[in-house]
PDB file of N, CA and C in Angstrom:
ATOM      1  N   MET A   1       1.002  -1.126  -0.154  1.00  0.00           N
ATOM      2  CA  MET A   1       0.018   0.049  -0.198  1.00  0.00           C
ATOM      3  C   MET A   1       0.810   1.253  -0.213  1.00  0.00           C
ATOM      4  N   ARG A   2       1.999   1.464   0.805  1.00  0.00           N
ATOM      5  CA  ARG A   2       2.767   2.440   0.982  1.00  0.00           C
ATOM      6  C   ARG A   2       3.518   2.616  -0.659  1.00  0.00           C
ATOM      7  N   ILE A   3       3.706   1.558  -1.111  1.00  0.00           N
ATOM      8  CA  ILE A   3       4.754   1.604  -2.513  1.00  0.00           C
ATOM      9  C   ILE A   3       3.566   2.339  -3.347  1.00  0.00           C
ATOM     10  N   VAL A   4       2.281   1.982  -3.538  1.00  0.00           N
ATOM     11  CA  VAL A   4       1.336   2.573  -4.258  1.00  0.00           C
ATOM     12  C   VAL A   4       1.230   3.896  -4.056  1.00  0.00           C
ATOM     13  N   ALA A   5       1.155   4.529  -3.020  1.00  0.00           N
ATOM     14  CA  ALA A   5       1.007   5.804  -2.423  1.00  0.00           C
ATOM     15  C   ALA A   5       2.291   6.558  -2.576  1.00  0.00           C
ATOM     16  N   LEU A   6       3.294   6.098  -2.680  1.00  0.00           N
ATOM     17  CA  LEU A   6       4.667   6.959  -2.932  1.00  0.00           C
ATOM     18  C   LEU A   6       4.645   6.925  -4.320  1.00  0.00           C
ATOM     19  N   ALA A   7       4.118   5.745  -5.144  1.00  0.00           N
ATOM     20  CA  ALA A   7       4.443   6.167  -6.766  1.00  0.00           C
ATOM     21  C   ALA A   7       3.152   7.253  -7.252  1.00  0.00           C
ATOM     22  N   LEU A   8       1.937   7.052  -6.342  1.00  0.00           N
ATOM     23  CA  LEU A   8       1.354   8.220  -6.861  1.00  0.00           C
ATOM     24  C   LEU A   8       1.801   9.586  -6.701  1.00  0.00           C
ATOM     25  N   VAL A   9       2.566   9.659  -5.191  1.00  0.00           N
ATOM     26  CA  VAL A   9       3.233  11.032  -5.200  1.00  0.00           C
ATOM     27  C   VAL A   9       4.186  11.199  -6.140  1.00  0.00           C
ATOM     28  N   LEU A  10       4.981  10.350  -6.392  1.00  0.00           N
ATOM     29  CA  LEU A  10       5.926  11.014  -7.550  1.00  0.00           C
ATOM     30  C   LEU A  10       5.411  11.205  -8.808  1.00  0.00           C
ATOM     31  N   ALA A  11       4.530  10.345  -9.282  1.00  0.00           N
ATOM     32  CA  ALA A  11       4.011  10.842 -10.607  1.00  0.00           C
ATOM     33  C   ALA A  11       3.071  12.125 -10.702  1.00  0.00           C
ATOM     34  N   LEU A  12       2.371  12.607  -9.445  1.00  0.00           N
ATOM     35  CA  LEU A  12       1.916  14.071  -9.039  1.00  0.00           C
ATOM     36  C   LEU A  12       2.983  15.120  -9.125  1.00  0.00           C
ATOM     37  N   LEU A  13       3.848  14.742  -8.454  1.00  0.00           N
ATOM     38  CA  LEU A  13       5.493  15.663  -8.618  1.00  0.00           C
ATOM     39  C   LEU A  13       5.850  16.058  -9.945  1.00  0.00           C
ATOM     40  N   ALA A  14       5.831  14.703 -10.579  1.00  0.00           N
ATOM     41  CA  ALA A  14       6.648  14.603 -11.986  1.00  0.00           C
ATOM     42  C   ALA A  14       5.779  15.417 -12.941  1.00  0.00           C
ATOM     43  N   GLY A  15       4.515  15.460 -12.934  1.00  0.00           N
ATOM     44  CA  GLY A  15       3.673  16.401 -13.583  1.00  0.00           C
ATOM     45  C   GLY A  15       3.668  17.585 -13.225  1.00  0.00           C
ATOM     46  N   ALA A  16       3.825  18.170 -11.777  1.00  0.00           N
ATOM     47  CA  ALA A  16       3.841  19.564 -11.534  1.00  0.00           C
ATOM     48  C   ALA A  16       5.083  19.863 -11.787  1.00  0.00           C
ATOM     49  N   ALA A  17       6.337  19.101 -11.974  1.00  0.00           N
ATOM     50  CA  ALA A  17       7.373  19.689 -12.301  1.00  0.00           C
ATOM     51  C   ALA A  17       7.405  19.935 -13.898  1.00  0.00           C
ATOM     52  N   ALA A  18       6.716  19.402 -14.810  1.00  0.00           N
ATOM     53  CA  ALA A  18       6.707  19.215 -16.005  1.00  0.00           C
ATOM     54  C   ALA A  18       5.886  20.788 -16.303  1.00  0.00           C
ATOM     55  N   THR A  19       4.958  20.906 -15.649  1.00  0.00           N
ATOM     56  CA  THR A  19       4.143  22.201 -15.832  1.00  0.00           C
ATOM     57  C   THR A  19       4.895  23.420 -15.481  1.00  0.00           C
ATOM     58  N   ALA A  20       5.586  23.241 -14.483  1.00  0.00           N
ATOM     59  CA  ALA A  20       6.270  24.468 -14.109  1.00  0.00           C
ATOM     60  C   ALA A  20       7.448  24.745 -15.044  1.00  0.00           C
ATOM     61  N   GLN A  21       7.978  23.642 -15.598  1.00  0.00           N
ATOM     62  CA  GLN A  21       8.910  23.778 -16.645  1.00  0.00           C
ATOM     63  C   GLN A  21       8.480  24.564 -18.035  1.00  0.00           C
ATOM     64  N   GLN A  22       7.177  23.893 -18.423  1.00  0.00           N
ATOM     65  CA  GLN A  22       6.536  24.903 -19.426  1.00  0.00           C
ATOM     66  C   GLN A  22       6.302  26.180 -19.231  1.00  0.00           C
ATOM     67  N   ALA A  23       5.806  26.717 -17.965  1.00  0.00           N
ATOM     68  CA  ALA A  23       5.792  28.163 -17.749  1.00  0.00           C
ATOM     69  C   ALA A  23       6.952  28.698 -17.720  1.00  0.00           C
ATOM     70  N   GLY A  24       8.121  28.067 -17.205  1.00  0.00           N
ATOM     71  CA  GLY A  24       9.237  28.730 -17.316  1.00  0.00           C
ATOM     72  C   GLY A  24       9.605  28.910 -18.880  1.00  0.00           C
ATOM     73  N   SER A  25       9.406  27.935 -19.705  1.00  0.00           N
ATOM     74  CA  SER A  25       9.754  28.196 -20.776  1.00  0.00           C
ATOM     75  C   SER A  25       8.924  29.547 -21.622  1.00  0.00           C
ATOM     76  N   ASP A  26       7.911  29.597 -21.518  1.00  0.00           N
ATOM     77  CA  ASP A  26       6.721  30.722 -22.175  1.00  0.00           C
ATOM     78  C   ASP A  26       7.724  32.264 -21.320  1.00  0.00           C
ATOM     79  N   ASP A  27       7.872  31.963 -20.133  1.00  0.00           N
ATOM     80  CA  ASP A  27       8.520  33.080 -19.360  1.00  0.00           C
ATOM     81  C   ASP A  27       9.961  33.551 -20.393  1.00  0.00           C
ATOM     82  N   GLU A  28      10.553  32.658 -20.588  1.00  0.00           N
ATOM     83  CA  GLU A  28      11.960  32.421 -21.055  1.00  0.00           C
ATOM     84  C   GLU A  28      11.709  33.102 -22.869  1.00  0.00           C
ATOM     85  N   ILE A  29      10.576  32.577 -23.336  1.00  0.00           N
ATOM     86  CA  ILE A  29      10.443  33.209 -24.588  1.00  0.00           C
ATOM     87  C   ILE A  29       9.798  34.488 -24.528  1.00  0.00           C
ATOM     88  N   TYR A  30       9.064  35.004 -23.624  1.00  0.00           N
ATOM     89  CA  TYR A  30       8.479  36.264 -23.434  1.00  0.00           C
ATOM     90  C   TYR A  30       9.541  37.047 -23.370  1.00  0.00           C
ATOM     91  N   ASP A  31      10.877  36.961 -22.358  1.00  0.00           N
ATOM     92  CA  ASP A  31      11.816  37.631 -22.041  1.00  0.00           C
ATOM     93  C   ASP A  31      12.695  37.709 -23.386  1.00  0.00           C
ATOM     94  N   GLN A  32      13.083  36.672 -23.998  1.00  0.00           N
ATOM     95  CA  GLN A  32      13.613  36.886 -25.143  1.00  0.00           C
ATOM     96  C   GLN A  32      13.058  37.659 -26.099  1.00  0.00           C
ATOM     97  N   VAL A  33      11.734  37.620 -26.705  1.00  0.00           N
ATOM     98  CA  VAL A  33      11.105  38.282 -27.592  1.00  0.00           C
ATOM     99  C   VAL A  33      11.055  39.845 -27.240  1.00  0.00           C
ATOM    100  N   ARG A  34      10.862  40.266 -26.147  1.00  0.00           N
ATOM    101  CA  ARG A  34      10.783  41.819 -25.615  1.00  0.00           C
ATOM    102  C   ARG A  34      12.223  42.411 -25.772  1.00  0.00           C
ATOM    103  N   ARG A  35      13.153  41.433 -25.231  1.00  0.00           N
ATOM    104  CA  ARG A  35      14.745  42.092 -25.542  1.00  0.00           C
ATOM    105  C   ARG A  35      14.841  42.137 -26.892  1.00  0.00           C
ATOM    106  N   ARG A  36      14.601  41.169 -27.679  1.00  0.00           N
ATOM    107  CA  ARG A  36      15.206  41.172 -29.258  1.00  0.00           C
ATOM    108  C   ARG A  36      14.590  42.237 -30.171  1.00  0.00           C
ATOM    109  N   LEU A  37      13.165  42.574 -29.649  1.00  0.00           N
ATOM    110  CA  LEU A  37      12.517  43.596 -30.203  1.00  0.00           C
ATOM    111  C   LEU A  37      12.867  44.999 -29.786  1.00  0.00           C
ATOM    112  N   ALA A  38      13.133  45.106 -28.613  1.00  0.00           N
ATOM    113  CA  ALA A  38      13.634  46.085 -27.886  1.00  0.00           C
ATOM    114  C   ALA A  38      15.210  46.558 -28.185  1.00  0.00           C
ATOM    115  N   ASN A  39      15.863  45.517 -28.883  1.00  0.00           N
ATOM    116  CA  ASN A  39      17.078  45.893 -29.184  1.00  0.00           C
ATOM    117  C   ASN A  39      17.087  46.070 -30.733  1.00  0.00           C
ATOM    118  N   ASP A  40      16.131  45.968 -31.532  1.00  0.00           N
ATOM    119  CA  ASP A  40      16.100  46.142 -33.053  1.00  0.00           C
ATOM    120  C   ASP A  40      15.992  47.559 -33.370  1.00  0.00           C
ATOM    121  N   PRO A  41      16.566  48.419 -33.937  1.00  0.00           N
ATOM    122  CA  PRO A  41      16.689  50.020 -34.577  1.00  0.00           C
ATOM    123  C   PRO A  41      14.903  50.219 -34.996  1.00  0.00           C
ATOM    124  N   ASP A  42      14.770  49.075 -36.169  1.00  0.00           N
ATOM    125  CA  ASP A  42      13.428  49.498 -36.872  1.00  0.00           C
ATOM    126  C   ASP A  42      12.225  49.200 -35.906  1.00  0.00           C
ATOM    127  N   VAL A  43      12.229  48.445 -34.973  1.00  0.00           N
ATOM    128  CA  VAL A  43      11.016  48.518 -34.033  1.00  0.00           C
ATOM    129  C   VAL A  43      10.783  48.512 -32.642  1.00  0.00           C
ATOM    130  N   LYS A  44      12.151  49.158 -32.333  1.00  0.00           N
ATOM    131  CA  LYS A  44      12.502  49.292 -30.509  1.00  0.00           C
ATOM    132  C   LYS A  44      11.375  50.173 -30.227  1.00  0.00           C
ATOM    133  N   GLY A  45      10.796  51.669 -30.873  1.00  0.00           N
ATOM    134  CA  GLY A  45      10.050  52.457 -30.282  1.00  0.00           C
ATOM    135  C   GLY A  45       8.562  52.224 -30.767  1.00  0.00           C
ATOM    136  N   ALA A  46       8.209  51.005 -31.199  1.00  0.00           N
ATOM    137  CA  ALA A  46       6.763  50.716 -31.184  1.00  0.00           C
ATOM    138  C   ALA A  46       6.477  50.340 -30.060  1.00  0.00           C
ATOM    139  N   ALA A  47       5.002  50.400 -30.325  1.00  0.00           N
ATOM    140  CA  ALA A  47       4.060  50.034 -28.971  1.00  0.00           C
ATOM    141  C   ALA A  47       3.595  48.615 -29.233  1.00  0.00           C
ATOM    142  N   ILE A  48       4.337  47.593 -29.343  1.00  0.00           N
ATOM    143  CA  ILE A  48       4.264  46.194 -29.434  1.00  0.00           C
ATOM    144  C   ILE A  48       4.008  45.369 -27.884  1.00  0.00           C
ATOM    145  N   GLU A  49       2.699  44.600 -27.878  1.00  0.00           N
ATOM    146  CA  GLU A  49       2.708  43.732 -26.479  1.00  0.00           C
ATOM    147  C   GLU A  49       2.681  42.549 -27.137  1.00  0.00           C
ATOM    148  N   VAL A  50       3.449  41.635 -25.913  1.00  0.00           N
ATOM    149  CA  VAL A  50       3.832  40.239 -26.481  1.00  0.00           C
ATOM    150  C   VAL A  50       3.249  39.602 -25.421  1.00  0.00           C
ATOM    151  N   GLU A  51       2.306  38.446 -25.988  1.00  0.00           N
ATOM    152  CA  GLU A  51       1.956  37.619 -24.945  1.00  0.00           C
ATOM    153  C   GLU A  51       2.179  35.962 -25.454  1.00  0.00           C
ATOM    154  N   VAL A  52       2.674  35.087 -24.138  1.00  0.00           N
ATOM    155  CA  VAL A  52       2.998  33.790 -24.944  1.00  0.00           C
ATOM    156  C   VAL A  52       2.325  32.761 -24.146  1.00  0.00           C
ATOM    157  N   ARG A  53       1.718  31.887 -24.991  1.00  0.00           N
ATOM    158  CA  ARG A  53       0.870  30.709 -24.409  1.00  0.00           C
ATOM    159  C   ARG A  53       1.293  29.443 -25.033  1.00  0.00           C
ATOM    160  N   GLU A  54       2.004  28.684 -24.193  1.00  0.00           N
ATOM    161  CA  GLU A  54       2.371  27.279 -24.607  1.00  0.00           C
ATOM    162  C   GLU A  54       3.263  27.352 -26.170  1.00  0.00           C
ATOM    163  N   GLY A  55       4.303  28.581 -26.107  1.00  0.00           N
ATOM    164  CA  GLY A  55       4.927  28.463 -26.964  1.00  0.00           C
ATOM    165  C   GLY A  55       4.470  29.535 -28.221  1.00  0.00           C
ATOM    166  N   VAL A  56       3.045  29.529 -28.373  1.00  0.00           N
ATOM    167  CA  VAL A  56       2.734  30.427 -29.438  1.00  0.00           C
ATOM    168  C   VAL A  56       2.659  31.892 -28.696  1.00  0.00           C
ATOM    169  N   VAL A  57       3.274  32.673 -29.546  1.00  0.00           N
ATOM    170  CA  VAL A  57       3.768  34.253 -29.291  1.00  0.00           C
ATOM    171  C   VAL A  57       2.368  35.050 -30.154  1.00  0.00           C
ATOM    172  N   THR A  58       1.681  35.845 -29.446  1.00  0.00           N
ATOM    173  CA  THR A  58       0.924  36.834 -30.111  1.00  0.00           C
ATOM    174  C   THR A  58       1.323  38.257 -29.686  1.00  0.00           C
ATOM    175  N   LEU A  59       1.376  39.153 -30.967  1.00  0.00           N
ATOM    176  CA  LEU A  59       2.141  40.626 -31.004  1.00  0.00           C
ATOM    177  C   LEU A  59       0.734  41.125 -31.303  1.00  0.00           C
ATOM    178  N   ARG A  60       0.563  42.161 -30.660  1.00  0.00           N
ATOM    179  CA  ARG A  60      -0.280  43.410 -30.721  1.00  0.00           C
ATOM    180  C   ARG A  60       0.439  44.512 -30.766  1.00  0.00           C
ATOM    181  N   GLY A  61      -0.446  45.635 -31.240  1.00  0.00           N
ATOM    182  CA  GLY A  61       0.066  47.064 -31.080  1.00  0.00           C
ATOM    183  C   GLY A  61       0.117  47.676 -32.225  1.00  0.00           C
ATOM    184  N   LYS A  62       1.198  48.696 -32.331  1.00  0.00           N
ATOM    185  CA  LYS A  62       1.337  49.457 -33.427  1.00  0.00           C
ATOM    186  C   LYS A  62       2.594  49.563 -33.866  1.00  0.00           C
ATOM    187  N   VAL A  63       2.939  49.575 -35.100  1.00  0.00           N
ATOM    188  CA  VAL A  63       4.096  49.855 -35.837  1.00  0.00           C
ATOM    189  C   VAL A  63       3.946  51.082 -36.847  1.00  0.00           C
ATOM    190  N   ARG A  64       5.023  51.580 -37.311  1.00  0.00           N
ATOM    191  CA  ARG A  64       5.261  52.724 -38.189  1.00  0.00           C
ATOM    192  C   ARG A  64       4.715  52.380 -39.531  1.00  0.00           C
ATOM    193  N   GLU A  65       5.334  51.267 -40.148  1.00  0.00           N
ATOM    194  CA  GLU A  65       5.506  50.927 -41.446  1.00  0.00           C
ATOM    195  C   GLU A  65       5.204  49.000 -41.547  1.00  0.00           C
ATOM    196  N   GLU A  66       4.739  48.825 -42.697  1.00  0.00           N
ATOM    197  CA  GLU A  66       4.532  47.470 -43.019  1.00  0.00           C
ATOM    198  C   GLU A  66       5.826  46.500 -42.763  1.00  0.00           C
ATOM    199  N   LYS A  67       6.668  47.079 -43.327  1.00  0.00           N
ATOM    200  CA  LYS A  67       8.191  46.281 -43.125  1.00  0.00           C
ATOM    201  C   LYS A  67       8.463  46.026 -41.798  1.00  0.00           C
ATOM    202  N   HIS A  68       7.984  47.134 -40.546  1.00  0.00           N
ATOM    203  CA  HIS A  68       8.180  46.586 -39.187  1.00  0.00           C
ATOM    204  C   HIS A  68       7.431  45.703 -38.790  1.00  0.00           C
ATOM    205  N   LYS A  69       6.181  45.387 -39.297  1.00  0.00           N
ATOM    206  CA  LYS A  69       5.330  44.276 -38.806  1.00  0.00           C
ATOM    207  C   LYS A  69       5.883  43.177 -39.223  1.00  0.00           C
ATOM    208  N   ILE A  70       6.288  43.204 -40.579  1.00  0.00           N
ATOM    209  CA  ILE A  70       7.068  42.023 -40.931  1.00  0.00           C
ATOM    210  C   ILE A  70       8.377  41.606 -40.081  1.00  0.00           C
ATOM    211  N   LYS A  71       9.201  42.500 -39.989  1.00  0.00           N
ATOM    212  CA  LYS A  71      10.639  42.403 -39.126  1.00  0.00           C
ATOM    213  C   LYS A  71      10.235  41.850 -37.770  1.00  0.00           C
ATOM    214  N   ALA A  72       9.184  42.289 -37.145  1.00  0.00           N
ATOM    215  CA  ALA A  72       8.852  42.198 -35.427  1.00  0.00           C
ATOM    216  C   ALA A  72       8.379  40.517 -35.708  1.00  0.00           C
ATOM    217  N   GLU A  73       7.535  40.155 -36.548  1.00  0.00           N
ATOM    218  CA  GLU A  73       7.314  38.923 -36.842  1.00  0.00           C
ATOM    219  C   GLU A  73       8.395  37.820 -36.983  1.00  0.00           C
ATOM    220  N   ARG A  74       9.208  38.264 -37.936  1.00  0.00           N
ATOM    221  CA  ARG A  74      10.429  37.560 -38.289  1.00  0.00           C
ATOM    222  C   ARG A  74      11.520  37.596 -37.150  1.00  0.00           C
ATOM    223  N   ILE A  75      11.647  38.455 -36.203  1.00  0.00           N
ATOM    224  CA  ILE A  75      12.327  38.342 -35.037  1.00  0.00           C
ATOM    225  C   ILE A  75      11.852  37.389 -33.833  1.00  0.00           C
ATOM    226  N   THR A  76      10.442  37.448 -33.808  1.00  0.00           N
ATOM    227  CA  THR A  76       9.949  36.426 -33.024  1.00  0.00           C
ATOM    228  C   THR A  76       9.973  35.203 -33.333  1.00  0.00           C
ATOM    229  N   ARG A  77       9.650  34.711 -34.539  1.00  0.00           N
ATOM    230  CA  ARG A  77       9.922  33.307 -35.177  1.00  0.00           C
ATOM    231  C   ARG A  77      11.438  32.887 -34.865  1.00  0.00           C
ATOM    232  N   ARG A  78      12.803  33.967 -34.477  1.00  0.00           N
ATOM    233  CA  ARG A  78      13.802  33.296 -34.161  1.00  0.00           C
ATOM    234  C   ARG A  78      14.159  32.721 -33.085  1.00  0.00           C
ATOM    235  N   VAL A  79      13.079  33.171 -32.109  1.00  0.00           N
ATOM    236  CA  VAL A  79      13.631  32.784 -30.777  1.00  0.00           C
ATOM    237  C   VAL A  79      13.119  31.250 -30.318  1.00  0.00           C
ATOM    238  N   LYS A  80      14.194  30.658 -29.827  1.00  0.00           N
ATOM    239  CA  LYS A  80      13.947  29.490 -29.526  1.00  0.00           C
ATOM    240  C   LYS A  80      12.831  29.013 -28.741  1.00  0.00           C
ATOM    241  N   GLY A  81      11.923  28.108 -28.932  1.00  0.00           N
ATOM    242  CA  GLY A  81      10.804  27.585 -28.437  1.00  0.00           C
ATOM    243  C   GLY A  81       9.554  28.195 -28.973  1.00  0.00           C
ATOM    244  N   VAL A  82       9.593  29.370 -29.708  1.00  0.00           N
ATOM    245  CA  VAL A  82       8.456  29.583 -30.233  1.00  0.00           C
ATOM    246  C   VAL A  82       8.063  28.819 -31.369  1.00  0.00           C
ATOM    247  N   LYS A  83       6.794  28.446 -31.314  1.00  0.00           N
ATOM    248  CA  LYS A  83       6.144  27.394 -32.072  1.00  0.00           C
ATOM    249  C   LYS A  83       5.100  27.976 -33.211  1.00  0.00           C
ATOM    250  N   LYS A  84       4.850  29.020 -32.775  1.00  0.00           N
ATOM    251  CA  LYS A  84       3.930  29.812 -33.828  1.00  0.00           C
ATOM    252  C   LYS A  84       3.702  31.346 -33.385  1.00  0.00           C
ATOM    253  N   VAL A  85       3.613  32.256 -34.427  1.00  0.00           N
ATOM    254  CA  VAL A  85       3.365  33.634 -33.926  1.00  0.00           C
ATOM    255  C   VAL A  85       2.182  34.107 -34.721  1.00  0.00           C
ATOM    256  N   ILE A  86       1.216  34.759 -33.782  1.00  0.00           N
ATOM    257  CA  ILE A  86      -0.070  35.345 -34.370  1.00  0.00           C
ATOM    258  C   ILE A  86       0.262  36.975 -34.453  1.00  0.00           C
ATOM    259  N   ASN A  87       0.292  37.506 -35.493  1.00  0.00           N
ATOM    260  CA  ASN A  87       0.799  38.753 -35.679  1.00  0.00           C
ATOM    261  C   ASN A  87      -0.650  39.579 -35.941  1.00  0.00           C
ATOM    262  N   GLU A  88      -0.761  40.402 -34.864  1.00  0.00           N
ATOM    263  CA  GLU A  88      -2.153  41.048 -34.833  1.00  0.00           C
ATOM    264  C   GLU A  88      -1.664  42.801 -34.823  1.00  0.00           C
ATOM    265  N   LEU A  89      -0.216  42.933 -35.343  1.00  0.00           N
ATOM    266  CA  LEU A  89       0.171  44.275 -35.062  1.00  0.00           C
ATOM    267  C   LEU A  89      -0.706  45.230 -36.320  1.00  0.00           C
ATOM    268  N   ARG A  90      -0.865  46.660 -35.803  1.00  0.00           N
ATOM    269  CA  ARG A  90      -1.677  47.351 -36.824  1.00  0.00           C
ATOM    270  C   ARG A  90      -0.445  48.204 -37.196  1.00  0.00           C
ATOM    271  N   VAL A  91      -0.431  48.826 -38.652  1.00  0.00           N
ATOM    272  CA  VAL A  91       0.282  49.661 -39.329  1.00  0.00           C
ATOM    273  C   VAL A  91      -0.119  51.159 -39.262  1.00  0.00           C
ATOM    274  N   GLY A  92       0.487  52.227 -38.640  1.00  0.00           N
ATOM    275  CA  GLY A  92       0.572  53.615 -39.077  1.00  0.00           C
ATOM    276  C   GLY A  92      -0.685  54.084 -38.179  1.00  0.00           C
ATOM    277  N   ILE A  93      -1.353  53.298 -37.391  1.00  0.00           N
ATOM    278  CA  ILE A  93      -2.464  53.850 -36.551  1.00  0.00           C
ATOM    279  C   ILE A  93      -2.205  54.534 -35.431  1.00  0.00           C
ATOM    280  N   GLY A  94      -2.205  55.860 -35.292  1.00  0.00           N
ATOM    281  CA  GLY A  94      -1.925  56.311 -34.057  1.00  0.00           C
ATOM    282  C   GLY A  94      -0.177  56.441 -33.482  1.00  0.00           C
ATOM    283  N   ILE A  95       0.672  56.520 -34.389  1.00  0.00           N
ATOM    284  CA  ILE A  95       1.926  56.506 -34.368  1.00  0.00           C
ATOM    285  C   ILE A  95       2.467  58.151 -34.460  1.00  0.00           C
ATOM    286  N   GLU A  96       3.100  58.246 -33.705  1.00  0.00           N
ATOM    287  CA  GLU A  96       3.605  59.732 -33.678  1.00  0.00           C
ATOM    288  C   GLU A  96       5.253  59.780 -33.824  1.00  0.00           C
TER     289      GLU A  96
END
């Protein structure tokens, strides 16, 4: 009986560790995407919001030109762990 209980506890801990690792991966992806966008001379001044869920990155906000929208997506795709990019960036709306 104790062996079964111990096995159950170990299985639960392994599942929790896998979930924590996934959350950490999303956090790492978020940090890398934000850092790379901020360091790029073309898109760094844009108002870009980044959201990451299970490796899927959503970009929202505003950029000055279509080429900046495309570049932001390309930069994001190059980050390790990114599975998909959803590009909801708008061009030229409210940019000063």
